[in-house]
Amino acid sequence: MHSSTILSLLITPALSLTTSHFTKRDSSCDEPTSLLCFGIGNLGAPQHINKSDIEYAASALRHIASSDNNPLWTMPPEDPSTCSEWTIPVTNSKGTLLLLAKHISPGTYSSVTYNDLARTIDGGKDATDEEKKDSILGACGENGGMQGVVVDSGDEVYHSEEYVNSGAKPEGIVVKLVHAPES
């Protein structure tokens, strides 16, 4: 196991905050939190992700939230020059989507709900037309894209004693939808 992975697991508080199994890549920190779509302007090539794969990922994240007491996707502090990008594992996903979370604030103990990850992807379970339009799926479609996690600051998880005492912040994570590599 990579030494920074072991360190990350050791410094994560023993709370209900969980870090999922992940694949970590080091990358640049200079990515915005605003909604950006691939294949538009100078933002790389369209990703050609099947819409059904994107919808499945959002649904799977909501399932994790509802069946596991709304766990948290946590990215602990790390070397300021690292800005890791982790694969968010989506159970039974064998499609065209590779779902990534990038830690753009490496000095921050960032932690967000799985519902917020899903909301960023598709606007939310009961999203209004405006919320859908402002999501990665709604704005970018099959091109894929990226956006800072859209946080429901009213979610009681963020106001719980455990969360507040952990020092975590619901910020510093960008969700990316890219085409999965051929296997």
C-alpha atoms as a PDB file:
ATOM      1  CA  MET A   1       0.000   0.000   0.000  1.00  0.00           C
ATOM      2  CA  HIS A   2       1.292   3.455  -0.883  1.00  0.00           C
ATOM      3  CA  SER A   3       2.689   5.301   2.164  1.00  0.00           C
ATOM      4  CA  SER A   4       0.461   8.359   1.647  1.00  0.00           C
ATOM      5  CA  THR A   5      -2.582   6.057   1.515  1.00  0.00           C
ATOM      6  CA  ILE A   6      -1.598   4.512   4.841  1.00  0.00           C
ATOM      7  CA  LEU A   7      -1.028   7.976   6.322  1.00  0.00           C
ATOM      8  CA  SER A   8      -4.424   9.150   5.023  1.00  0.00           C
ATOM      9  CA  LEU A   9      -6.150   6.195   6.640  1.00  0.00           C
ATOM     10  CA  LEU A  10      -4.325   6.715   9.931  1.00  0.00           C
ATOM     11  CA  ILE A  11      -5.201  10.393  10.273  1.00  0.00           C
ATOM     12  CA  THR A  12      -8.873   9.966   9.451  1.00  0.00           C
ATOM     13  CA  PRO A  13     -10.782  10.303  12.742  1.00  0.00           C
ATOM     14  CA  ALA A  14     -12.563   7.216  13.990  1.00  0.00           C
ATOM     15  CA  LEU A  15     -16.003   8.670  13.475  1.00  0.00           C
ATOM     16  CA  SER A  16     -18.873   7.855  11.197  1.00  0.00           C
ATOM     17  CA  LEU A  17     -16.878   9.743   8.567  1.00  0.00           C
ATOM     18  CA  THR A  18     -15.646   7.209   6.046  1.00  0.00           C
ATOM     19  CA  THR A  19     -13.144   7.214   3.237  1.00  0.00           C
ATOM     20  CA  SER A  20     -14.199   4.775   0.560  1.00  0.00           C
ATOM     21  CA  HIS A  21     -11.942   2.375  -1.233  1.00  0.00           C
ATOM     22  CA  PHE A  22     -10.228   4.491  -3.821  1.00  0.00           C
ATOM     23  CA  THR A  23      -7.569   4.731  -6.437  1.00  0.00           C
ATOM     24  CA  LYS A  24      -5.424   7.803  -5.876  1.00  0.00           C
ATOM     25  CA  ARG A  25      -3.569   9.854  -8.483  1.00  0.00           C
ATOM     26  CA  ASP A  26      -1.507  12.944  -7.792  1.00  0.00           C
ATOM     27  CA  SER A  27      -2.365  15.909 -10.000  1.00  0.00           C
ATOM     28  CA  SER A  28      -2.393  19.696 -10.207  1.00  0.00           C
ATOM     29  CA  CYS A  29      -4.440  21.790  -7.735  1.00  0.00           C
ATOM     30  CA  ASP A  30      -5.443  24.577 -10.112  1.00  0.00           C
ATOM     31  CA  GLU A  31      -8.949  23.484 -11.067  1.00  0.00           C
ATOM     32  CA  PRO A  32     -12.030  25.655 -10.532  1.00  0.00           C
ATOM     33  CA  THR A  33     -15.187  24.682  -8.665  1.00  0.00           C
ATOM     34  CA  SER A  34     -17.441  26.221 -11.311  1.00  0.00           C
ATOM     35  CA  LEU A  35     -19.350  23.938 -13.675  1.00  0.00           C
ATOM     36  CA  LEU A  36     -17.251  23.151 -16.749  1.00  0.00           C
ATOM     37  CA  CYS A  37     -18.177  20.855 -19.625  1.00  0.00           C
ATOM     38  CA  PHE A  38     -15.642  18.881 -21.621  1.00  0.00           C
ATOM     39  CA  GLY A  39     -15.595  19.388 -25.380  1.00  0.00           C
ATOM     40  CA  ILE A  40     -16.567  23.059 -25.126  1.00  0.00           C
ATOM     41  CA  GLY A  41     -14.001  25.767 -25.801  1.00  0.00           C
ATOM     42  CA  ASN A  42     -10.530  24.767 -24.646  1.00  0.00           C
ATOM     43  CA  LEU A  43     -11.695  22.177 -22.136  1.00  0.00           C
ATOM     44  CA  GLY A  44     -10.554  18.982 -23.801  1.00  0.00           C
ATOM     45  CA  ALA A  45     -12.423  16.455 -25.843  1.00  0.00           C
ATOM     46  CA  PRO A  46     -16.005  15.338 -25.311  1.00  0.00           C
ATOM     47  CA  GLN A  47     -15.997  12.162 -23.227  1.00  0.00           C
ATOM     48  CA  HIS A  48     -18.861  10.238 -24.919  1.00  0.00           C
ATOM     49  CA  ILE A  49     -20.281   8.858 -21.656  1.00  0.00           C
ATOM     50  CA  ASN A  50     -23.594   7.044 -21.849  1.00  0.00           C
ATOM     51  CA  LYS A  51     -26.298   9.055 -20.112  1.00  0.00           C
ATOM     52  CA  SER A  52     -27.586   5.882 -18.445  1.00  0.00           C
ATOM     53  CA  ASP A  53     -24.144   5.322 -16.850  1.00  0.00           C
ATOM     54  CA  ILE A  54     -24.200   8.843 -15.395  1.00  0.00           C
ATOM     55  CA  GLU A  55     -27.741   8.385 -14.070  1.00  0.00           C
ATOM     56  CA  TYR A  56     -26.765   5.015 -12.584  1.00  0.00           C
ATOM     57  CA  ALA A  57     -23.783   6.554 -10.748  1.00  0.00           C
ATOM     58  CA  ALA A  58     -25.943   9.261  -9.146  1.00  0.00           C
ATOM     59  CA  SER A  59     -28.524   6.661  -8.157  1.00  0.00           C
ATOM     60  CA  ALA A  60     -25.850   4.349  -6.705  1.00  0.00           C
ATOM     61  CA  LEU A  61     -24.419   7.199  -4.608  1.00  0.00           C
ATOM     62  CA  ARG A  62     -27.901   7.969  -3.264  1.00  0.00           C
ATOM     63  CA  HIS A  63     -28.350   4.287  -2.453  1.00  0.00           C
ATOM     64  CA  ILE A  64     -25.114   4.345  -0.434  1.00  0.00           C
ATOM     65  CA  ALA A  65     -26.396   7.430   1.403  1.00  0.00           C
ATOM     66  CA  SER A  66     -29.754   5.879   2.237  1.00  0.00           C
ATOM     67  CA  SER A  67     -28.532   2.403   3.158  1.00  0.00           C
ATOM     68  CA  ASP A  68     -25.472   3.366   5.195  1.00  0.00           C
ATOM     69  CA  ASN A  69     -26.759   6.239   7.376  1.00  0.00           C
ATOM     70  CA  ASN A  70     -25.628   8.944   4.935  1.00  0.00           C
ATOM     71  CA  PRO A  71     -21.875   8.317   5.085  1.00  0.00           C
ATOM     72  CA  LEU A  72     -19.351  10.893   4.039  1.00  0.00           C
ATOM     73  CA  TRP A  73     -16.857  10.948   1.193  1.00  0.00           C
ATOM     74  CA  THR A  74     -13.747  12.187   2.964  1.00  0.00           C
ATOM     75  CA  MET A  75     -10.454  13.467   1.595  1.00  0.00           C
ATOM     76  CA  PRO A  76      -8.018  14.108   4.451  1.00  0.00           C
ATOM     77  CA  PRO A  77      -5.309  16.782   4.407  1.00  0.00           C
ATOM     78  CA  GLU A  78      -2.240  15.948   2.351  1.00  0.00           C
ATOM     79  CA  ASP A  79       0.923  17.492   0.993  1.00  0.00           C
ATOM     80  CA  PRO A  80      -0.057  20.925  -0.411  1.00  0.00           C
ATOM     81  CA  SER A  81       1.500  20.163  -3.799  1.00  0.00           C
ATOM     82  CA  THR A  82      -0.376  16.886  -4.269  1.00  0.00           C
ATOM     83  CA  CYS A  83      -4.085  17.541  -4.931  1.00  0.00           C
ATOM     84  CA  SER A  84      -5.011  13.895  -5.288  1.00  0.00           C
ATOM     85  CA  GLU A  85      -7.688  12.664  -7.603  1.00  0.00           C
ATOM     86  CA  TRP A  86      -9.526   9.560  -6.386  1.00  0.00           C
ATOM     87  CA  THR A  87     -11.820   7.179  -8.181  1.00  0.00           C
ATOM     88  CA  ILE A  88     -15.242   7.084  -6.547  1.00  0.00           C
ATOM     89  CA  PRO A  89     -16.181   3.417  -6.737  1.00  0.00           C
ATOM     90  CA  VAL A  90     -19.663   2.801  -8.069  1.00  0.00           C
ATOM     91  CA  THR A  91     -20.835  -0.755  -7.394  1.00  0.00           C
ATOM     92  CA  ASN A  92     -21.698  -2.802 -10.471  1.00  0.00           C
ATOM     93  CA  SER A  93     -20.656  -0.011 -12.817  1.00  0.00           C
ATOM     94  CA  LYS A  94     -19.152  -1.514 -15.940  1.00  0.00           C
ATOM     95  CA  GLY A  95     -20.066   1.232 -18.349  1.00  0.00           C
ATOM     96  CA  THR A  96     -18.495   4.248 -19.950  1.00  0.00           C
ATOM     97  CA  LEU A  97     -18.173   6.438 -16.825  1.00  0.00           C
ATOM     98  CA  LEU A  98     -15.153   6.919 -14.592  1.00  0.00           C
ATOM     99  CA  LEU A  99     -16.272   8.994 -11.619  1.00  0.00           C
ATOM    100  CA  LEU A 100     -13.503  11.001  -9.949  1.00  0.00           C
ATOM    101  CA  ALA A 101     -13.187  13.243  -6.901  1.00  0.00           C
ATOM    102  CA  LYS A 102     -10.343  15.746  -6.884  1.00  0.00           C
ATOM    103  CA  HIS A 103      -9.055  17.341  -3.694  1.00  0.00           C
ATOM    104  CA  ILE A 104      -8.312  20.936  -4.699  1.00  0.00           C
ATOM    105  CA  SER A 105      -7.758  22.155  -1.127  1.00  0.00           C
ATOM    106  CA  PRO A 106      -5.122  19.693   0.089  1.00  0.00           C
ATOM    107  CA  GLY A 107      -4.630  21.464   3.430  1.00  0.00           C
ATOM    108  CA  THR A 108      -8.317  20.993   4.246  1.00  0.00           C
ATOM    109  CA  TYR A 109      -9.994  17.978   5.805  1.00  0.00           C
ATOM    110  CA  SER A 110     -12.761  17.851   3.169  1.00  0.00           C
ATOM    111  CA  SER A 111     -15.831  15.730   3.728  1.00  0.00           C
ATOM    112  CA  VAL A 112     -19.173  15.737   1.881  1.00  0.00           C
ATOM    113  CA  THR A 113     -22.252  13.521   1.855  1.00  0.00           C
ATOM    114  CA  TYR A 114     -22.877  10.986  -0.872  1.00  0.00           C
ATOM    115  CA  ASN A 115     -26.174  12.789  -1.495  1.00  0.00           C
ATOM    116  CA  ASP A 116     -24.200  15.941  -2.300  1.00  0.00           C
ATOM    117  CA  LEU A 117     -21.953  13.984  -4.689  1.00  0.00           C
ATOM    118  CA  ALA A 118     -25.091  12.699  -6.445  1.00  0.00           C
ATOM    119  CA  ARG A 119     -26.668  16.176  -6.463  1.00  0.00           C
ATOM    120  CA  THR A 120     -23.579  17.545  -8.191  1.00  0.00           C
ATOM    121  CA  ILE A 121     -23.950  14.931 -10.909  1.00  0.00           C
ATOM    122  CA  ASP A 122     -27.687  15.189 -11.656  1.00  0.00           C
ATOM    123  CA  GLY A 123     -29.174  18.075  -9.653  1.00  0.00           C
ATOM    124  CA  GLY A 124     -30.782  15.963  -6.930  1.00  0.00           C
ATOM    125  CA  LYS A 125     -33.355  13.217  -6.478  1.00  0.00           C
ATOM    126  CA  ASP A 126     -36.307  15.607  -6.704  1.00  0.00           C
ATOM    127  CA  ALA A 127     -34.481  18.329  -8.622  1.00  0.00           C
ATOM    128  CA  THR A 128     -36.257  21.263 -10.166  1.00  0.00           C
ATOM    129  CA  ASP A 129     -35.650  21.948 -13.851  1.00  0.00           C
ATOM    130  CA  GLU A 130     -33.203  24.692 -12.834  1.00  0.00           C
ATOM    131  CA  GLU A 131     -31.266  22.352 -10.493  1.00  0.00           C
ATOM    132  CA  LYS A 132     -31.077  19.705 -13.227  1.00  0.00           C
ATOM    133  CA  LYS A 133     -29.832  22.297 -15.709  1.00  0.00           C
ATOM    134  CA  ASP A 134     -27.099  23.408 -13.273  1.00  0.00           C
ATOM    135  CA  SER A 135     -25.785  19.855 -12.720  1.00  0.00           C
ATOM    136  CA  ILE A 136     -22.994  18.175 -14.670  1.00  0.00           C
ATOM    137  CA  LEU A 137     -25.463  15.842 -16.399  1.00  0.00           C
ATOM    138  CA  GLY A 138     -27.927  18.630 -17.168  1.00  0.00           C
ATOM    139  CA  ALA A 139     -25.361  21.090 -18.506  1.00  0.00           C
ATOM    140  CA  CYS A 140     -22.806  18.759 -20.068  1.00  0.00           C
ATOM    141  CA  GLY A 141     -24.679  15.576 -20.868  1.00  0.00           C
ATOM    142  CA  GLU A 142     -22.636  12.834 -22.478  1.00  0.00           C
ATOM    143  CA  ASN A 143     -19.664  15.191 -22.922  1.00  0.00           C
ATOM    144  CA  GLY A 144     -18.855  14.828 -19.236  1.00  0.00           C
ATOM    145  CA  GLY A 145     -17.555  17.655 -17.119  1.00  0.00           C
ATOM    146  CA  MET A 146     -16.562  18.778 -13.659  1.00  0.00           C
ATOM    147  CA  GLN A 147     -17.894  20.875 -10.808  1.00  0.00           C
ATOM    148  CA  GLY A 148     -17.209  21.564  -7.147  1.00  0.00           C
ATOM    149  CA  VAL A 149     -19.516  19.517  -4.941  1.00  0.00           C
ATOM    150  CA  VAL A 150     -22.898  21.206  -4.609  1.00  0.00           C
ATOM    151  CA  VAL A 151     -23.376  21.120  -0.845  1.00  0.00           C
ATOM    152  CA  ASP A 152     -26.701  21.162   0.975  1.00  0.00           C
ATOM    153  CA  SER A 153     -25.468  23.293   3.876  1.00  0.00           C
ATOM    154  CA  GLY A 154     -28.740  22.634   5.693  1.00  0.00           C
ATOM    155  CA  ASP A 155     -28.056  18.890   5.876  1.00  0.00           C
ATOM    156  CA  GLU A 156     -28.020  17.923   9.546  1.00  0.00           C
ATOM    157  CA  VAL A 157     -24.868  15.836   9.002  1.00  0.00           C
ATOM    158  CA  TYR A 158     -22.826  19.025   8.582  1.00  0.00           C
ATOM    159  CA  HIS A 159     -24.169  20.371  11.882  1.00  0.00           C
ATOM    160  CA  SER A 160     -23.717  17.190  13.905  1.00  0.00           C
ATOM    161  CA  GLU A 161     -21.373  17.236  16.869  1.00  0.00           C
ATOM    162  CA  GLU A 162     -19.213  14.522  15.264  1.00  0.00           C
ATOM    163  CA  TYR A 163     -18.801  16.454  12.024  1.00  0.00           C
ATOM    164  CA  VAL A 164     -18.110  19.806  13.702  1.00  0.00           C
ATOM    165  CA  ASN A 165     -15.613  18.256  16.148  1.00  0.00           C
ATOM    166  CA  SER A 166     -13.803  16.434  13.327  1.00  0.00           C
ATOM    167  CA  GLY A 167     -12.670  19.741  11.828  1.00  0.00           C
ATOM    168  CA  ALA A 168     -13.978  18.650   8.427  1.00  0.00           C
ATOM    169  CA  LYS A 169     -15.324  21.165   5.928  1.00  0.00           C
ATOM    170  CA  PRO A 170     -17.823  20.521   3.108  1.00  0.00           C
ATOM    171  CA  GLU A 171     -15.545  22.112   0.508  1.00  0.00           C
ATOM    172  CA  GLY A 172     -12.457  21.546  -1.595  1.00  0.00           C
ATOM    173  CA  ILE A 173     -13.707  18.604  -3.683  1.00  0.00           C
ATOM    174  CA  VAL A 174     -14.401  18.676  -7.418  1.00  0.00           C
ATOM    175  CA  VAL A 175     -16.424  15.883  -9.070  1.00  0.00           C
ATOM    176  CA  LYS A 176     -15.353  14.845 -12.570  1.00  0.00           C
ATOM    177  CA  LEU A 177     -17.210  12.686 -15.065  1.00  0.00           C
ATOM    178  CA  VAL A 178     -14.799  11.247 -17.639  1.00  0.00           C
ATOM    179  CA  HIS A 179     -14.845   8.302 -20.008  1.00  0.00           C
ATOM    180  CA  ALA A 180     -13.720   5.062 -18.381  1.00  0.00           C
ATOM    181  CA  PRO A 181     -10.576   3.556 -19.851  1.00  0.00           C
ATOM    182  CA  GLU A 182     -11.087   0.493 -21.997  1.00  0.00           C
ATOM    183  CA  SER A 183     -10.515  -2.663 -19.999  1.00  0.00           C
END
